[in-house]
C-alpha atoms as a PDB file:
ATOM      1  CA  MET A   1    -121.594   8.083 -84.123  1.00  0.00           C
ATOM      2  CA  THR A   2    -119.156   5.416 -85.294  1.00  0.00           C
ATOM      3  CA  VAL A   3    -120.206   3.486 -88.374  1.00  0.00           C
ATOM      4  CA  PRO A   4    -118.800  -0.038 -88.715  1.00  0.00           C
ATOM      5  CA  PRO A   5    -116.353  -0.220 -91.642  1.00  0.00           C
ATOM      6  CA  THR A   6    -118.379  -3.075 -93.148  1.00  0.00           C
ATOM      7  CA  ASP A   7    -121.557  -0.986 -93.285  1.00  0.00           C
ATOM      8  CA  PHE A   8    -121.797   0.149 -96.907  1.00  0.00           C
ATOM      9  CA  THR A   9    -125.349   1.522 -96.527  1.00  0.00           C
ATOM     10  CA  PRO A  10    -125.547   5.048 -98.006  1.00  0.00           C
ATOM     11  CA  ILE A  11    -125.523   7.721 -95.324  1.00  0.00           C
ATOM     12  CA  TYR A  12    -128.944   9.096 -96.280  1.00  0.00           C
ATOM     13  CA  ALA A  13    -130.386   5.587 -95.811  1.00  0.00           C
ATOM     14  CA  ARG A  14    -128.733   5.317 -92.374  1.00  0.00           C
ATOM     15  CA  VAL A  15    -130.377   8.601 -91.369  1.00  0.00           C
ATOM     16  CA  GLN A  16    -133.734   7.243 -92.474  1.00  0.00           C
ATOM     17  CA  ARG A  17    -133.174   3.959 -90.647  1.00  0.00           C
ATOM     18  CA  PHE A  18    -132.276   5.832 -87.472  1.00  0.00           C
ATOM     19  CA  ILE A  19    -135.453   7.923 -87.552  1.00  0.00           C
ATOM     20  CA  ARG A  20    -137.673   4.963 -88.441  1.00  0.00           C
ATOM     21  CA  ASP A  21    -136.168   2.997 -85.547  1.00  0.00           C
ATOM     22  CA  GLU A  22    -136.745   5.901 -83.147  1.00  0.00           C
ATOM     23  CA  ILE A  23    -140.403   6.034 -84.202  1.00  0.00           C
ATOM     24  CA  ALA A  24    -140.909   2.258 -84.112  1.00  0.00           C
ATOM     25  CA  SER A  25    -139.383   2.020 -80.621  1.00  0.00           C
ATOM     26  CA  GLY A  26    -141.600   4.788 -79.265  1.00  0.00           C
ATOM     27  CA  ARG A  27    -138.669   7.055 -78.415  1.00  0.00           C
ATOM     28  CA  LEU A  28    -140.143   9.448 -80.975  1.00  0.00           C
ATOM     29  CA  LYS A  29    -143.932   9.659 -80.759  1.00  0.00           C
ATOM     30  CA  GLU A  30    -146.581  11.283 -82.929  1.00  0.00           C
ATOM     31  CA  GLY A  31    -146.049  15.054 -82.887  1.00  0.00           C
ATOM     32  CA  ASP A  32    -142.519  14.872 -81.426  1.00  0.00           C
ATOM     33  CA  ARG A  33    -139.828  17.034 -82.985  1.00  0.00           C
ATOM     34  CA  VAL A  34    -137.276  15.130 -85.081  1.00  0.00           C
ATOM     35  CA  PRO A  35    -133.603  16.079 -84.588  1.00  0.00           C
ATOM     36  CA  SER A  36    -132.631  19.052 -86.730  1.00  0.00           C
ATOM     37  CA  GLU A  37    -130.664  18.852 -89.981  1.00  0.00           C
ATOM     38  CA  PRO A  38    -127.482  20.233 -88.351  1.00  0.00           C
ATOM     39  CA  ALA A  39    -127.773  17.757 -85.453  1.00  0.00           C
ATOM     40  CA  LEU A  40    -128.284  14.808 -87.803  1.00  0.00           C
ATOM     41  CA  ALA A  41    -125.469  15.975 -90.092  1.00  0.00           C
ATOM     42  CA  GLU A  42    -123.090  16.094 -87.118  1.00  0.00           C
ATOM     43  CA  ARG A  43    -124.284  12.725 -85.791  1.00  0.00           C
ATOM     44  CA  PHE A  44    -123.693  10.959 -89.116  1.00  0.00           C
ATOM     45  CA  GLY A  45    -120.657  12.959 -90.232  1.00  0.00           C
ATOM     46  CA  THR A  46    -122.307  14.181 -93.401  1.00  0.00           C
ATOM     47  CA  THR A  47    -123.699  17.297 -95.053  1.00  0.00           C
ATOM     48  CA  ARG A  48    -127.035  18.987 -94.451  1.00  0.00           C
ATOM     49  CA  ALA A  49    -127.878  18.334 -98.112  1.00  0.00           C
ATOM     50  CA  THR A  50    -127.620  14.569 -97.527  1.00  0.00           C
ATOM     51  CA  VAL A  51    -129.778  14.841 -94.400  1.00  0.00           C
ATOM     52  CA  ALA A  52    -132.322  16.994 -96.263  1.00  0.00           C
ATOM     53  CA  ARG A  53    -132.612  14.312 -98.946  1.00  0.00           C
ATOM     54  CA  ALA A  54    -133.197  11.624 -96.306  1.00  0.00           C
ATOM     55  CA  LEU A  55    -135.842  13.687 -94.538  1.00  0.00           C
ATOM     56  CA  GLN A  56    -137.641  14.583 -97.762  1.00  0.00           C
ATOM     57  CA  GLU A  57    -138.029  10.901 -98.645  1.00  0.00           C
ATOM     58  CA  LEU A  58    -139.462  10.259 -95.171  1.00  0.00           C
ATOM     59  CA  VAL A  59    -141.928  13.078 -95.823  1.00  0.00           C
ATOM     60  CA  TYR A  60    -143.015  11.390 -99.063  1.00  0.00           C
ATOM     61  CA  GLU A  61    -143.611   8.082 -97.287  1.00  0.00           C
ATOM     62  CA  GLY A  62    -145.637   9.809 -94.578  1.00  0.00           C
ATOM     63  CA  SER A  63    -143.349   9.138 -91.601  1.00  0.00           C
ATOM     64  CA  ILE A  64    -142.642  12.795 -90.824  1.00  0.00           C
ATOM     65  CA  VAL A  65    -143.991  16.246 -91.648  1.00  0.00           C
ATOM     66  CA  ARG A  66    -141.971  19.420 -92.156  1.00  0.00           C
ATOM     67  CA  ARG A  67    -143.453  22.746 -91.057  1.00  0.00           C
ATOM     68  CA  SER A  68    -141.895  25.902 -92.366  1.00  0.00           C
ATOM     69  CA  GLY A  69    -140.405  27.922 -89.539  1.00  0.00           C
ATOM     70  CA  SER A  70    -141.162  25.238 -86.932  1.00  0.00           C
ATOM     71  CA  GLY A  71    -139.134  22.157 -87.753  1.00  0.00           C
ATOM     72  CA  THR A  72    -139.666  18.488 -88.547  1.00  0.00           C
ATOM     73  CA  PHE A  73    -142.097  16.320 -86.582  1.00  0.00           C
ATOM     74  CA  VAL A  74    -143.288  12.726 -86.428  1.00  0.00           C
ATOM     75  CA  ALA A  75    -146.392  12.512 -88.619  1.00  0.00           C
ATOM     76  CA  PRO A  76    -149.776  11.457 -87.257  1.00  0.00           C
ATOM     77  CA  ARG A  77    -150.381   7.771 -87.774  1.00  0.00           C
ATOM     78  CA  SER A  78    -152.121   7.220 -91.076  1.00  0.00           C
ATOM     79  CA  ILE A  79    -155.160   4.982 -91.313  1.00  0.00           C
ATOM     80  CA  SER A  80    -155.258   2.287 -93.960  1.00  0.00           C
ATOM     81  CA  ALA A  81    -157.999   0.000 -95.219  1.00  0.00           C
ATOM     82  CA  PRO A  82    -156.289  -2.429 -97.607  1.00  0.00           C
ATOM     83  CA  ILE A  83    -158.063  -3.782-100.645  1.00  0.00           C
ATOM     84  CA  ASP A  84    -158.566  -7.525-100.330  1.00  0.00           C
ATOM     85  CA  LEU A  85    -160.348  -8.971-103.338  1.00  0.00           C
ATOM     86  CA  THR A  86    -160.886 -12.326-101.635  1.00  0.00           C
ATOM     87  CA  ARG A  87    -162.704 -11.216 -98.485  1.00  0.00           C
ATOM     88  CA  VAL A  88    -165.395  -8.689 -97.540  1.00  0.00           C
ATOM     89  CA  ARG A  89    -164.262  -6.680 -94.517  1.00  0.00           C
ATOM     90  CA  SER A  90    -165.682  -3.422 -93.234  1.00  0.00           C
ATOM     91  CA  PHE A  91    -163.561  -0.356 -92.660  1.00  0.00           C
ATOM     92  CA  GLU A  92    -164.113  -0.878 -88.938  1.00  0.00           C
ATOM     93  CA  GLU A  93    -162.824  -4.468 -89.039  1.00  0.00           C
ATOM     94  CA  GLN A  94    -159.728  -3.343 -90.877  1.00  0.00           C
ATOM     95  CA  VAL A  95    -158.740  -0.483 -88.577  1.00  0.00           C
ATOM     96  CA  THR A  96    -159.531  -2.282 -85.321  1.00  0.00           C
ATOM     97  CA  SER A  97    -157.412  -5.228 -86.458  1.00  0.00           C
ATOM     98  CA  LEU A  98    -154.495  -2.775 -86.403  1.00  0.00           C
ATOM     99  CA  GLY A  99    -155.224  -1.871 -82.787  1.00  0.00           C
ATOM    100  CA  ALA A 100    -157.073   1.384 -83.422  1.00  0.00           C
ATOM    101  CA  ARG A 101    -160.239   2.423 -81.605  1.00  0.00           C
ATOM    102  CA  ILE A 102    -163.262   3.567 -83.579  1.00  0.00           C
ATOM    103  CA  ASP A 103    -166.185   5.685 -82.338  1.00  0.00           C
ATOM    104  CA  TYR A 104    -169.138   7.268 -84.097  1.00  0.00           C
ATOM    105  CA  GLU A 105    -170.783  10.683 -84.045  1.00  0.00           C
ATOM    106  CA  LEU A 106    -174.307  10.514 -85.424  1.00  0.00           C
ATOM    107  CA  LEU A 107    -175.135  13.522 -87.600  1.00  0.00           C
ATOM    108  CA  GLY A 108    -178.462  12.501 -89.085  1.00  0.00           C
ATOM    109  CA  PHE A 109    -180.816   9.598 -89.738  1.00  0.00           C
ATOM    110  CA  ASP A 110    -183.598  10.931 -91.921  1.00  0.00           C
ATOM    111  CA  HIS A 111    -186.641   9.108 -93.292  1.00  0.00           C
ATOM    112  CA  ARG A 112    -187.505  10.365 -96.773  1.00  0.00           C
ATOM    113  CA  ALA A 113    -188.481   9.487-100.316  1.00  0.00           C
ATOM    114  CA  ALA A 114    -185.772   7.795-102.366  1.00  0.00           C
ATOM    115  CA  THR A 115    -184.298   9.661-105.302  1.00  0.00           C
ATOM    116  CA  GLY A 116    -184.460   8.000-108.696  1.00  0.00           C
ATOM    117  CA  ASP A 117    -180.798   6.968-108.499  1.00  0.00           C
ATOM    118  CA  GLU A 118    -181.225   5.551-104.974  1.00  0.00           C
ATOM    119  CA  ALA A 119    -184.311   3.584-105.986  1.00  0.00           C
ATOM    120  CA  HIS A 120    -182.424   2.158-108.972  1.00  0.00           C
ATOM    121  CA  LYS A 121    -179.385   1.097-106.917  1.00  0.00           C
ATOM    122  CA  LEU A 122    -181.473  -0.512-104.172  1.00  0.00           C
ATOM    123  CA  HIS A 123    -184.074  -2.086-106.516  1.00  0.00           C
ATOM    124  CA  LEU A 124    -186.919  -0.088-104.946  1.00  0.00           C
ATOM    125  CA  ASP A 125    -190.231   0.976-106.408  1.00  0.00           C
ATOM    126  CA  PRO A 126    -190.190   4.525-107.856  1.00  0.00           C
ATOM    127  CA  ASP A 127    -192.144   5.751-104.811  1.00  0.00           C
ATOM    128  CA  GLY A 128    -189.942   3.823-102.349  1.00  0.00           C
ATOM    129  CA  ARG A 129    -188.708   5.372 -99.142  1.00  0.00           C
ATOM    130  CA  VAL A 130    -185.333   5.175 -97.453  1.00  0.00           C
ATOM    131  CA  TYR A 131    -183.396   6.217 -94.385  1.00  0.00           C
ATOM    132  CA  ALA A 132    -180.405   8.477 -95.054  1.00  0.00           C
ATOM    133  CA  LEU A 133    -177.629   8.024 -92.497  1.00  0.00           C
ATOM    134  CA  ASP A 134    -174.843  10.538 -91.965  1.00  0.00           C
ATOM    135  CA  ARG A 135    -172.242   9.917 -89.289  1.00  0.00           C
ATOM    136  CA  LEU A 136    -168.589  10.459 -88.539  1.00  0.00           C
ATOM    137  CA  ARG A 137    -166.127   7.684 -87.971  1.00  0.00           C
ATOM    138  CA  ILE A 138    -163.621   8.769 -85.342  1.00  0.00           C
ATOM    139  CA  VAL A 139    -160.416   6.735 -85.203  1.00  0.00           C
ATOM    140  CA  ASP A 140    -158.241   7.120 -82.091  1.00  0.00           C
ATOM    141  CA  GLY A 141    -159.920  10.445 -81.387  1.00  0.00           C
ATOM    142  CA  LYS A 142    -159.473  11.827 -84.921  1.00  0.00           C
ATOM    143  CA  ARG A 143    -162.267  12.473 -87.409  1.00  0.00           C
ATOM    144  CA  ILE A 144    -161.225  10.284 -90.327  1.00  0.00           C
ATOM    145  CA  SER A 145    -164.329   9.577 -92.390  1.00  0.00           C
ATOM    146  CA  LEU A 146    -167.855  10.796 -93.041  1.00  0.00           C
ATOM    147  CA  GLU A 147    -170.191   8.024 -94.130  1.00  0.00           C
ATOM    148  CA  HIS A 148    -173.389   8.739 -96.036  1.00  0.00           C
ATOM    149  CA  ARG A 149    -175.547   5.607 -96.283  1.00  0.00           C
ATOM    150  CA  ILE A 150    -178.888   5.001 -97.953  1.00  0.00           C
ATOM    151  CA  ILE A 151    -180.863   2.195 -96.294  1.00  0.00           C
ATOM    152  CA  PRO A 152    -184.175   0.747 -97.558  1.00  0.00           C
ATOM    153  CA  GLU A 153    -187.144   1.610 -95.357  1.00  0.00           C
ATOM    154  CA  GLU A 154    -187.824  -2.021 -94.412  1.00  0.00           C
ATOM    155  CA  LEU A 155    -184.401  -2.201 -92.773  1.00  0.00           C
ATOM    156  CA  GLY A 156    -183.975   1.373 -91.627  1.00  0.00           C
ATOM    157  CA  ARG A 157    -187.137   1.463 -89.532  1.00  0.00           C
ATOM    158  CA  ARG A 158    -185.767  -1.369 -87.366  1.00  0.00           C
ATOM    159  CA  ILE A 159    -182.380   0.240 -86.751  1.00  0.00           C
ATOM    160  CA  THR A 160    -182.064   1.965 -83.383  1.00  0.00           C
ATOM    161  CA  LEU A 161    -180.027   5.052 -82.555  1.00  0.00           C
ATOM    162  CA  GLU A 162    -178.001   2.970 -80.105  1.00  0.00           C
ATOM    163  CA  MET A 163    -176.962   0.667 -82.961  1.00  0.00           C
ATOM    164  CA  LEU A 164    -175.867   3.655 -85.015  1.00  0.00           C
ATOM    165  CA  ARG A 165    -173.784   5.040 -82.160  1.00  0.00           C
ATOM    166  CA  THR A 166    -171.912   1.797 -81.503  1.00  0.00           C
ATOM    167  CA  GLN A 167    -171.874  -0.521 -84.539  1.00  0.00           C
ATOM    168  CA  SER A 168    -170.716  -0.616 -88.143  1.00  0.00           C
ATOM    169  CA  ILE A 169    -173.304  -1.070 -90.863  1.00  0.00           C
ATOM    170  CA  HIS A 170    -171.884  -4.546 -91.519  1.00  0.00           C
ATOM    171  CA  GLN A 171    -172.429  -5.443 -87.843  1.00  0.00           C
ATOM    172  CA  ILE A 172    -175.948  -4.061 -87.821  1.00  0.00           C
ATOM    173  CA  LEU A 173    -176.951  -5.972 -90.932  1.00  0.00           C
ATOM    174  CA  ASP A 174    -175.459  -9.206 -89.617  1.00  0.00           C
ATOM    175  CA  GLU A 175    -176.496  -9.065 -85.961  1.00  0.00           C
ATOM    176  CA  ALA A 176    -179.894  -7.342 -86.243  1.00  0.00           C
ATOM    177  CA  PHE A 177    -181.132  -8.874 -89.501  1.00  0.00           C
ATOM    178  CA  GLY A 178    -178.992 -11.938 -90.150  1.00  0.00           C
ATOM    179  CA  LEU A 179    -177.867 -10.362 -93.426  1.00  0.00           C
ATOM    180  CA  ARG A 180    -174.197 -10.886 -94.086  1.00  0.00           C
ATOM    181  CA  VAL A 181    -172.563  -8.593 -96.616  1.00  0.00           C
ATOM    182  CA  TRP A 182    -171.338 -10.966 -99.297  1.00  0.00           C
ATOM    183  CA  ARG A 183    -170.406  -8.647-102.114  1.00  0.00           C
ATOM    184  CA  VAL A 184    -169.393  -5.002-102.489  1.00  0.00           C
ATOM    185  CA  GLU A 185    -169.552  -3.163-105.795  1.00  0.00           C
ATOM    186  CA  GLY A 186    -168.121   0.315-106.000  1.00  0.00           C
ATOM    187  CA  ARG A 187    -165.482   2.713-107.137  1.00  0.00           C
ATOM    188  CA  ILE A 188    -162.826   4.927-105.584  1.00  0.00           C
ATOM    189  CA  ARG A 189    -162.434   8.517-106.685  1.00  0.00           C
ATOM    190  CA  ALA A 190    -160.773  11.754-105.620  1.00  0.00           C
ATOM    191  CA  GLY A 191    -162.529  14.884-104.481  1.00  0.00           C
ATOM    192  CA  VAL A 192    -162.085  18.190-102.697  1.00  0.00           C
ATOM    193  CA  ALA A 193    -163.633  19.156 -99.360  1.00  0.00           C
ATOM    194  CA  ARG A 194    -166.062  22.036 -99.612  1.00  0.00           C
ATOM    195  CA  GLU A 195    -166.587  24.268 -96.586  1.00  0.00           C
ATOM    196  CA  GLU A 196    -169.302  22.247 -94.828  1.00  0.00           C
ATOM    197  CA  MET A 197    -167.516  18.933 -95.418  1.00  0.00           C
ATOM    198  CA  ALA A 198    -164.222  20.464 -94.292  1.00  0.00           C
ATOM    199  CA  ARG A 199    -165.763  21.703 -91.032  1.00  0.00           C
ATOM    200  CA  THR A 200    -167.285  18.284 -90.388  1.00  0.00           C
ATOM    201  CA  LEU A 201    -163.974  16.473 -90.892  1.00  0.00           C
ATOM    202  CA  GLY A 202    -161.894  19.129 -89.151  1.00  0.00           C
ATOM    203  CA  ILE A 203    -159.774  19.964 -92.194  1.00  0.00           C
ATOM    204  CA  GLU A 204    -159.210  23.017 -94.361  1.00  0.00           C
ATOM    205  CA  ALA A 205    -161.605  23.786 -97.196  1.00  0.00           C
ATOM    206  CA  GLY A 206    -160.099  22.620-100.472  1.00  0.00           C
ATOM    207  CA  SER A 207    -158.280  19.684 -98.865  1.00  0.00           C
ATOM    208  CA  ALA A 208    -158.074  16.471-100.865  1.00  0.00           C
ATOM    209  CA  LEU A 209    -160.549  13.678-100.158  1.00  0.00           C
ATOM    210  CA  ILE A 210    -160.687  10.004-101.053  1.00  0.00           C
ATOM    211  CA  ILE A 211    -164.269   8.962-101.818  1.00  0.00           C
ATOM    212  CA  ARG A 212    -165.671   5.444-101.958  1.00  0.00           C
ATOM    213  CA  ASP A 213    -169.025   4.848-103.654  1.00  0.00           C
ATOM    214  CA  TYR A 214    -170.513   1.403-103.143  1.00  0.00           C
ATOM    215  CA  VAL A 215    -173.477  -0.916-102.871  1.00  0.00           C
ATOM    216  CA  LEU A 216    -173.469  -3.748-100.313  1.00  0.00           C
ATOM    217  CA  TYR A 217    -175.126  -7.007-101.399  1.00  0.00           C
ATOM    218  CA  SER A 218    -176.304 -10.142 -99.633  1.00  0.00           C
ATOM    219  CA  ILE A 219    -175.371 -13.622-100.844  1.00  0.00           C
ATOM    220  CA  ASP A 220    -178.494 -13.732-103.052  1.00  0.00           C
ATOM    221  CA  ARG A 221    -177.456 -10.439-104.743  1.00  0.00           C
ATOM    222  CA  ARG A 222    -180.032  -8.398-102.864  1.00  0.00           C
ATOM    223  CA  PRO A 223    -178.846  -4.780-102.528  1.00  0.00           C
ATOM    224  CA  LEU A 224    -178.808  -3.925 -98.828  1.00  0.00           C
ATOM    225  CA  VAL A 225    -177.237  -0.477 -98.522  1.00  0.00           C
ATOM    226  CA  SER A 226    -175.762   2.075-100.902  1.00  0.00           C
ATOM    227  CA  GLY A 227    -173.744   5.127-100.135  1.00  0.00           C
ATOM    228  CA  GLU A 228    -170.527   7.091-100.090  1.00  0.00           C
ATOM    229  CA  SER A 229    -167.681   7.368 -97.607  1.00  0.00           C
ATOM    230  CA  PHE A 230    -165.483  10.470 -97.573  1.00  0.00           C
ATOM    231  CA  TYR A 231    -161.962  10.122 -96.131  1.00  0.00           C
ATOM    232  CA  ARG A 232    -159.357  12.690 -95.132  1.00  0.00           C
ATOM    233  CA  ASP A 233    -156.119  12.614 -97.076  1.00  0.00           C
ATOM    234  CA  ASP A 234    -154.239  10.974 -94.188  1.00  0.00           C
ATOM    235  CA  PHE A 235    -156.248   7.834 -94.902  1.00  0.00           C
ATOM    236  CA  HIS A 236    -154.766   5.530 -97.519  1.00  0.00           C
ATOM    237  CA  ILE A 237    -155.556   2.293 -99.297  1.00  0.00           C
ATOM    238  CA  ASP A 238    -152.905  -0.411 -99.546  1.00  0.00           C
ATOM    239  CA  TYR A 239    -153.018  -3.068-102.224  1.00  0.00           C
ATOM    240  CA  VAL A 240    -150.857  -5.768-103.740  1.00  0.00           C
ATOM    241  CA  VAL A 241    -150.873  -6.907-107.365  1.00  0.00           C
ATOM    242  CA  GLN A 242    -149.139 -10.198-108.090  1.00  0.00           C
ATOM    243  CA  GLN A 243    -148.626 -11.874-111.433  1.00  0.00           C
ATOM    244  CA  SER A 244    -149.539 -15.515-111.677  1.00  0.00           C
ATOM    245  CA  GLU A 245    -146.508 -17.792-111.971  1.00  0.00           C
ATOM    246  CA  THR A 246    -148.114 -19.450-114.988  1.00  0.00           C
ATOM    247  CA  ASP A 247    -148.407 -16.179-116.967  1.00  0.00           C
END
């Protein structure tokens, strides 16, 4: 490879640019083997140490994965649901806007008495009843998230299994009940997948999880649904923080 004399980009950055371009163009696809360190070192006229540095930074950013004894491969596409403080968007809206396909696997939809915490979050009577929904979100054929939702009985009894197999909770609330989600209150925390959760998500026990706890509210501050969503560690959350020009 001949590098133009006016190109003062460090060699490790050129290696990274080359690999990123190969992935972006589709010449390297998810799961494909990346050229070896010796091959890249020869191509760019540099040392294996420089190539190793370039590849390690690509590992950190999630573009490639390195497997001991096997080589370096293009990483599976990560799934992101950015935080937007100015607009309520469901996970499904966010991932489909990026061109991904989402399917559901229904695991359970149980009618039962609300726990004290559930009754408090949903403003129910102490003897209130709820429907507990458990289902997988499958993005482009991969199990990405397990959602556990608690739905007040008055809404849950009108939700059909067909809705749960094809629609997001936001869609169901809007289209079946005319209830638009106007506000989301919650928190994001880290966790570890225990054996049952790991089997459900198709990951190893002890793997890291991102967990979102939340309550969905209507415009009149009526709590509609509470719950948790558990995400594999190849899911990530993008955000931007910008200082006001007047500060």
